[in-house]
Structure formats: C-alpha cells, structure tokens
Amino acid sequence: MTKHKEQKGLEKQHYKAELRQLQIELVKLQRHIIRKNDKILVLLEGRDAAGKDGSIKRIIQHLSPRETRVVALGKPSDREESQWYFQRYVHYLPAAAEIVFFNRSWYNRAGVEKVMGFCTDAQYEEFFTEVTDFESMLVRSGIHFIKVYLDISKSEQKNRLAARKDDPLKQWKTSPIDEQAITHWKDYSIARNVMFARTHTSFTPWTIVDANDKKVARLQLIKGLLSRLDYANKDTNLILPDQTIIFDYDPLYLENNMIKA
C-alpha cells in the first residue's frame, strides 16, 4: 500500500468512526424528542449537487422511521399552483415527537423559481412579505426550526454535476435544471444573497455550511444541529462545531469569501 493510499484509508476510517459517534448522539436526541414530545423542523437548502441528499441520508440512517420524515416535494400540481404558496408545505410540518427534514423548501421561490422565471415578480415579492411572519408563527407554535444552506464553489459544483452523468446509480438526480446550474451561477448567487439579506433574522437565522468537502460538511452539519438542540446526556466535546466550516450568516462573510461568490 502506498503512503497516499494509507493516508486516505486512515482518513476514511476516522470519518466513519466520528460519524458513528455523532449518529449515536442523534439517537440520544431522538429519544429526548420522543420523550418530551418536541417538534423539530430542519430546512436544507443549497445549489444543485451541494450535498443535501447525502447529508440527510447520514443524519437519518439510524433514526426511527416512525418519528423521522424527509420531505422533498416535486413540481406543484395545477391545484397547488392555485393555493396560497405555503399551503402545501404546511401539511408536512412536524407533529409532536417528530423530526422533519425538508430537502429544499419554500425557499424554492427565492432561488430556482426566481432565477428560472417560474414565478412572477409579484409572487417573488409576496413571498418575502410573508415568509418571515410564517416562520415566526412556526417558532411560536413550539416548533424548533433550523435553516441550513450548504455552500459550494462553482468548480466543485461543476465536478459533481459531471460525475452524476457518469454514475449509473445517480441518474435519478439529473434533471434539465442541472444543465442551467453553471450557466446561471451568478444569477443564483445574487438570488441567494437577496434571500439571506431578507430572511435572516435573530428569530429564524440562516446557518451556512462550507460543503466543498462532503464528509467534513456532513460531520459539521450534524454537530451544528446537535449543538443547537437540547437533549439528555449530550457529549458536548464531541459535538463542538468548527466555526470556520459552519456559521450563522453575516453580510461580512460575502465580502471575505467565507460565503462563496
């Protein structure tokens, strides 16, 4: 075995060991949620290929499927198009003892719908008028609400999208929208920055994860979630997040490139 392969093997072994310990903490968290009848809602946003699917997969891997749900809604039906924008999402909100992950959410309107012209300017502005009030109502109702954005660079997205095309097991992930992701990189950056500026509040803040390294991002995302939520027998040393990888939004981070342009 070469030195490089040996090092990669050790890195993989370390990742798996740390992931297992964090998954044990997630099981502790879920037992606490069930015992206390808590309601947890986590939104995961990010560009195409940012790692949302893989992150959620590792988080829920050993959790109870009865109290854990993943919501990944497709294109709205004609009936849903006629509804209040947030209406179809309300159906999937957590009940007591549940933890729910939204793999993309109502923030589609602030991102892909805006960039690709799937909504009108009036609908876009109405979204921003309503979204912070809507989220505040969720928090006041007793839902523990966390918004996470996985942040990757343009070159990393390009590499991941190309890899998808060549992987027969990931063909379901490819879509016509993927083809536009790199072309509209700047447009998505502008839309993301507007989204942060208009929806980051002290009540419902955005948490950013540097996701260029998938494995590091997964570990730090789990640590970030665990550190934000109360549960019994928490291993505080294990779950201490690296604040250079995971951090709350600040407009200064757009200037110093902690959030990728």
Protein backbone atom coordinates (compact mmCIF):
# COMPACT_ATOMS: atom_id res chain seq x y z
CA MET A 1 0.00 0.00 0.00
CA THR A 2 1.39 3.41 -0.94
CA LYS A 3 1.67 6.17 1.63
CA HIS A 4 -1.07 8.15 -0.15
CA LYS A 5 -3.49 5.22 -0.11
CA GLU A 6 -2.67 4.52 3.53
CA GLN A 7 -3.40 8.15 4.44
CA LYS A 8 -6.70 8.06 2.53
CA GLY A 9 -7.60 4.85 4.33
CA LEU A 10 -6.92 6.41 7.71
CA GLU A 11 -8.98 9.48 6.78
CA LYS A 12 -11.91 7.27 5.75
CA GLN A 13 -11.58 5.22 8.94
CA HIS A 14 -11.54 8.39 11.06
CA TYR A 15 -14.58 9.78 9.22
CA LYS A 16 -16.59 6.60 9.76
CA ALA A 17 -15.65 6.45 13.44
CA GLU A 18 -16.61 10.07 14.07
CA LEU A 19 -19.81 9.71 12.06
CA ARG A 20 -20.82 6.71 14.15
CA GLN A 21 -20.27 8.63 17.38
CA LEU A 22 -22.35 11.54 16.07
CA GLN A 23 -25.09 9.16 14.94
CA ILE A 24 -25.21 7.80 18.49
CA GLU A 25 -25.75 11.40 19.64
CA LEU A 26 -28.57 11.75 17.08
CA VAL A 27 -30.25 8.67 18.56
CA LYS A 28 -29.96 10.26 22.01
CA LEU A 29 -31.54 13.40 20.58
CA GLN A 30 -34.42 11.47 19.07
CA ARG A 31 -35.14 9.63 22.33
CA HIS A 32 -35.31 13.03 24.02
CA ILE A 33 -37.61 14.42 21.29
CA ILE A 34 -39.98 11.47 21.66
CA ARG A 35 -39.96 11.65 25.46
CA LYS A 36 -40.61 15.40 25.51
CA ASN A 37 -43.00 15.44 22.51
CA ASP A 38 -40.80 18.04 20.83
CA LYS A 39 -41.25 19.10 17.20
CA ILE A 40 -38.12 19.64 15.09
CA LEU A 41 -38.04 21.12 11.58
CA VAL A 42 -34.81 21.38 9.56
CA LEU A 43 -34.66 23.03 6.12
CA LEU A 44 -31.72 22.12 3.90
CA GLU A 45 -31.05 24.46 1.01
CA GLY A 46 -28.15 24.85 -1.41
CA ARG A 47 -27.22 24.75 -5.07
CA ASP A 48 -27.67 21.63 -7.17
CA ALA A 49 -25.12 18.98 -6.05
CA ALA A 50 -24.39 20.77 -2.76
CA GLY A 51 -24.80 17.50 -0.83
CA LYS A 52 -28.30 17.74 0.62
CA ASP A 53 -29.27 14.14 -0.18
CA GLY A 54 -26.07 12.65 1.21
CA SER A 55 -26.20 14.74 4.37
CA ILE A 56 -29.79 13.79 5.14
CA LYS A 57 -29.05 10.12 4.44
CA ARG A 58 -26.31 10.07 7.11
CA ILE A 59 -28.40 12.00 9.62
CA ILE A 60 -31.43 9.72 9.46
CA GLN A 61 -29.57 6.43 8.90
CA HIS A 62 -30.15 5.08 12.42
CA LEU A 63 -33.20 7.11 13.44
CA SER A 64 -36.68 5.71 13.89
CA PRO A 65 -38.62 5.90 10.60
CA ARG A 66 -41.87 6.34 12.53
CA GLU A 67 -40.77 9.67 14.02
CA THR A 68 -38.46 10.82 11.20
CA ARG A 69 -39.66 12.19 7.86
CA VAL A 70 -37.89 13.59 4.81
CA VAL A 71 -39.88 15.92 2.57
CA ALA A 72 -38.70 16.52 -1.00
CA LEU A 73 -41.61 17.93 -2.96
CA GLY A 74 -41.70 17.92 -6.73
CA LYS A 75 -43.27 20.37 -9.13
CA PRO A 76 -46.62 21.68 -7.79
CA SER A 77 -49.82 20.44 -9.40
CA ASP A 78 -52.28 22.82 -11.07
CA ARG A 79 -54.37 22.72 -7.89
CA GLU A 80 -51.35 23.52 -5.71
CA GLU A 81 -50.42 26.35 -8.06
CA SER A 82 -53.79 27.94 -7.23
CA GLN A 83 -53.27 27.66 -3.45
CA TRP A 84 -51.60 30.02 -1.03
CA TYR A 85 -47.90 29.44 -1.68
CA PHE A 86 -47.08 27.99 1.77
CA GLN A 87 -50.19 25.81 1.91
CA ARG A 88 -48.77 22.59 0.53
CA TYR A 89 -45.79 22.77 2.89
CA VAL A 90 -47.98 23.10 6.00
CA HIS A 91 -49.25 19.54 5.53
CA TYR A 92 -45.73 18.19 6.14
CA LEU A 93 -44.85 20.14 9.29
CA PRO A 94 -43.82 18.03 12.31
CA ALA A 95 -46.28 16.80 14.91
CA ALA A 96 -45.29 16.01 18.48
CA ALA A 97 -42.26 13.68 18.81
CA GLU A 98 -41.28 14.12 15.15
CA ILE A 99 -38.23 15.44 13.37
CA VAL A 100 -38.80 16.53 9.76
CA PHE A 101 -36.18 17.39 7.13
CA PHE A 102 -37.13 19.47 4.11
CA ASN A 103 -34.79 18.70 1.20
CA ARG A 104 -35.42 22.06 -0.41
CA SER A 105 -38.40 24.00 0.85
CA TRP A 106 -40.49 27.10 0.31
CA TYR A 107 -37.19 28.84 -0.46
CA ASN A 108 -37.51 27.43 -3.99
CA ARG A 109 -39.35 30.67 -4.69
CA ALA A 110 -36.34 32.74 -3.64
CA GLY A 111 -33.94 30.57 -5.68
CA VAL A 112 -34.74 28.38 -8.66
CA GLU A 113 -38.18 29.91 -9.30
CA LYS A 114 -36.72 33.41 -9.37
CA VAL A 115 -33.69 32.52 -11.49
CA MET A 116 -35.55 30.31 -13.98
CA GLY A 117 -38.58 32.58 -14.28
CA PHE A 118 -41.03 30.09 -12.73
CA CYS A 119 -42.69 32.84 -10.67
CA THR A 120 -43.72 36.42 -11.35
CA ASP A 121 -42.04 39.42 -9.76
CA ALA A 122 -45.25 39.98 -7.77
CA GLN A 123 -45.18 36.41 -6.43
CA TYR A 124 -41.49 36.79 -5.58
CA GLU A 125 -42.12 39.97 -3.57
CA GLU A 126 -45.18 38.48 -1.88
CA PHE A 127 -43.03 35.57 -0.73
CA PHE A 128 -40.64 37.91 1.07
CA THR A 129 -43.55 39.84 2.57
CA GLU A 130 -44.92 36.66 4.13
CA VAL A 131 -42.04 34.27 4.81
CA THR A 132 -40.59 35.73 7.99
CA ASP A 133 -44.06 36.04 9.54
CA PHE A 134 -44.83 32.45 8.51
CA GLU A 135 -41.61 31.16 10.06
CA SER A 136 -42.14 33.21 13.21
CA MET A 137 -45.53 31.56 13.60
CA LEU A 138 -43.89 28.14 13.34
CA VAL A 139 -41.45 29.00 16.12
CA ARG A 140 -44.17 30.50 18.33
CA SER A 141 -46.22 27.32 17.84
CA GLY A 142 -43.43 25.36 19.54
CA ILE A 143 -41.51 24.02 16.54
CA HIS A 144 -37.72 24.00 16.88
CA PHE A 145 -36.84 25.47 13.49
CA ILE A 146 -33.41 25.36 11.81
CA LYS A 147 -32.48 26.71 8.34
CA VAL A 148 -29.26 25.41 6.77
CA TYR A 149 -27.59 26.40 3.49
CA LEU A 150 -24.89 24.11 2.05
CA ASP A 151 -22.38 26.31 0.21
CA ILE A 152 -20.13 25.01 -2.60
CA SER A 153 -17.84 26.64 -5.14
CA LYS A 154 -18.52 26.85 -8.87
CA SER A 155 -15.71 24.42 -9.71
CA GLU A 156 -16.91 21.92 -7.12
CA GLN A 157 -20.47 22.05 -8.46
CA LYS A 158 -19.22 21.57 -12.00
CA ASN A 159 -17.22 18.49 -10.96
CA ARG A 160 -20.12 16.95 -9.04
CA LEU A 161 -22.65 17.50 -11.82
CA ALA A 162 -20.25 15.91 -14.32
CA ALA A 163 -19.73 12.93 -12.01
CA ARG A 164 -23.50 12.42 -11.77
CA LYS A 165 -23.77 11.94 -15.52
CA ASP A 166 -21.21 9.14 -15.44
CA ASP A 167 -22.64 7.32 -12.40
CA PRO A 168 -25.46 4.89 -13.32
CA LEU A 169 -26.65 4.91 -9.70
CA LYS A 170 -27.16 8.67 -9.69
CA GLN A 171 -29.12 9.07 -12.92
CA TRP A 172 -32.27 9.88 -10.94
CA LYS A 173 -30.55 13.02 -9.65
CA THR A 174 -30.02 14.53 -13.08
CA SER A 175 -32.56 16.99 -14.48
CA PRO A 176 -32.81 19.66 -17.18
CA ILE A 177 -32.33 22.27 -14.43
CA ASP A 178 -28.86 20.84 -13.77
CA GLU A 179 -27.80 21.93 -17.23
CA GLN A 180 -28.60 25.52 -16.29
CA ALA A 181 -26.87 25.49 -12.88
CA ILE A 182 -23.42 26.53 -14.08
CA THR A 183 -24.77 28.88 -16.78
CA HIS A 184 -26.81 30.75 -14.17
CA TRP A 185 -24.17 30.59 -11.42
CA LYS A 186 -24.07 34.37 -10.94
CA ASP A 187 -27.86 34.67 -11.04
CA TYR A 188 -28.15 32.02 -8.32
CA SER A 189 -25.51 33.85 -6.24
CA ILE A 190 -27.46 37.10 -6.47
CA ALA A 191 -30.74 35.36 -5.58
CA ARG A 192 -29.08 33.59 -2.63
CA ASN A 193 -27.62 36.82 -1.29
CA VAL A 194 -31.01 38.56 -1.51
CA MET A 195 -32.58 35.57 0.27
CA PHE A 196 -30.08 35.79 3.12
CA ALA A 197 -30.44 39.56 3.46
CA ARG A 198 -34.24 39.46 3.55
CA THR A 199 -34.89 36.28 5.57
CA HIS A 200 -32.08 36.02 8.11
CA THR A 201 -33.48 37.13 11.45
CA SER A 202 -32.50 36.62 15.09
CA PHE A 203 -35.66 34.53 15.44
CA THR A 204 -35.04 32.38 12.34
CA PRO A 205 -31.35 32.68 11.37
CA TRP A 206 -29.57 31.04 8.43
CA THR A 207 -26.75 28.63 9.22
CA ILE A 208 -24.13 28.27 6.46
CA VAL A 209 -22.02 25.13 5.94
CA ASP A 210 -18.92 25.14 3.74
CA ALA A 211 -19.77 21.97 1.80
CA ASN A 212 -16.85 21.71 -0.65
CA ASP A 213 -15.64 18.67 1.31
CA LYS A 214 -18.68 16.40 1.56
CA LYS A 215 -17.50 14.35 4.53
CA VAL A 216 -16.37 17.35 6.57
CA ALA A 217 -19.65 19.10 5.79
CA ARG A 218 -21.73 16.13 6.94
CA LEU A 219 -19.91 15.90 10.24
CA GLN A 220 -20.08 19.63 10.88
CA LEU A 221 -23.75 19.81 9.91
CA ILE A 222 -24.61 17.09 12.43
CA LYS A 223 -22.55 18.84 15.09
CA GLY A 224 -24.32 22.09 14.33
CA LEU A 225 -27.75 20.51 14.70
CA LEU A 226 -26.84 18.71 17.91
CA SER A 227 -25.30 21.82 19.44
CA ARG A 228 -28.49 23.82 18.76
CA LEU A 229 -30.88 21.34 20.38
CA ASP A 230 -31.26 20.23 23.98
CA TYR A 231 -31.18 16.55 24.91
CA ALA A 232 -30.08 14.38 27.83
CA ASN A 233 -26.51 13.08 28.18
CA LYS A 234 -25.13 15.31 25.44
CA ASP A 235 -21.41 14.80 24.70
CA THR A 236 -20.54 18.49 24.50
CA ASN A 237 -16.91 17.92 23.49
CA LEU A 238 -17.83 15.63 20.59
CA ILE A 239 -20.45 17.95 19.09
CA LEU A 240 -18.47 21.19 19.25
CA PRO A 241 -18.71 22.55 15.68
CA ASP A 242 -15.85 24.13 13.72
CA GLN A 243 -16.99 27.73 13.24
CA THR A 244 -14.78 28.14 10.16
CA ILE A 245 -16.92 25.46 8.46
CA ILE A 246 -20.38 26.09 9.95
CA PHE A 247 -21.52 29.56 11.00
CA ASP A 248 -24.52 31.87 11.12
CA TYR A 249 -24.98 34.24 8.20
CA ASP A 250 -23.37 37.67 8.33
CA PRO A 251 -23.14 40.01 5.30
CA LEU A 252 -19.44 40.44 6.03
CA TYR A 253 -18.94 36.80 5.02
CA LEU A 254 -19.92 37.70 1.45
CA GLU A 255 -17.06 40.21 1.38
CA ASN A 256 -14.37 37.94 2.82
CA ASN A 257 -15.46 34.92 0.71
CA MET A 258 -16.45 32.71 3.65
CA ILE A 259 -19.65 32.51 1.57
CA LYS A 260 -18.63 31.67 -1.98
CA ALA A 261 -19.28 34.24 -4.72
